[in-house]
Amino acid sequence: MSTYLIGDVHGCYDELRALLKQVDFQPEQDTLWLTGDLVARGPGSLEVLRYVKSLGESVRIVLGNHDLHLLAVYAGISRNKPKDRLTPLLEAPDADELINWLRRQPLLQVDEEKQLVMAHAGITPQWDLETAKICAAELEAILSSDSYPLFLDSMYGDMPNNWTPELSGLSRLRFSANALTRMRFCFPNGQLDMICKEEPASAPPPLKPWFNVASKIPEGYSVVFGHWASLEGKGTPEHVYGLDTGCCWGGVLTLLHWESQTYYVQPSNRKQASATEAVTQPSTH
């Protein structure tokens, strides 16, 4: 019985299956954790969703910002961008079924026995674990309800960027969504910066990566996240694991076997594909 954790798949279906084949993943006994952003950018978003959904109880996922954006596109709230390559999914005969399954997935996974926490972007330093659970549950409740388009219509925006328990309504939900799915940098007091997307070494002071600000997560817990491909899985403190290694950009898809702390990687198929696309795509100039 193994626990496998994989970074952002982003529609890289072939690489996902090849990586799972490397470790001989057995859904009947193993558990697969996925850091979110299952869809967009890669060519196989439809196939990824169908496969992950088929795994049932043997998979634990969290939603990422691209997954939320897909929900907004499907609801007619946001635009379908060609670069996201979502059209085959949006037009699939089982699209309704897949979308309704996706919007009922968690935004936070916590395994108390393994002392393992997973969120797409991480855990804001302004939250303790109990607050993170409460805020994630609130988001999950609205997304799984009939009112979910109301939230999706209001989720785009960078404010508020400072947590207080008094936050309420759509502002509170937007903060939670940004913290769980979009966060990279924080100010020293933990306040979110939603603008900087640089590598940590290039960020203007006083910004710090969220994982370098004092955490309220209990000692002994490990935090797994994706979202930040330019980290290339490096530079995080002990017990913090960044698993997005940019497969959809031509990097690799990374898997961590939790019990042995062993990493496996699958090279992207995208380098050759990107070169082909550059030749075949019409000029935009």
Foldseek 3Di string as FASTA:
>chain_A
DWEKEWEAQAQQVVQVVVQCVVVVDDLVPAAYEYQANCHFQYQHSQVSLVVQVVSPPRYAYAYAPVLLVVLCVLVVQDPDDVNRNCVCLSPPPCNVVSNLVSLLHFQWDADPVQLEIHHAQWAQQVDEPVVLVVLRVVSNVCSNDPNVNVLSNLLPDCPPQDDDPPDDDSRSNNNSNCRRHQFFKAALVRGTDRPDLDDQVPDDPPIHGRQPHDHNYDPPHAYEYERNQVCLQDDHDPRYTYRHNPLSVQGWIWMATPVVRDIDTGTHPVVVVVVVCVVPPDDPD
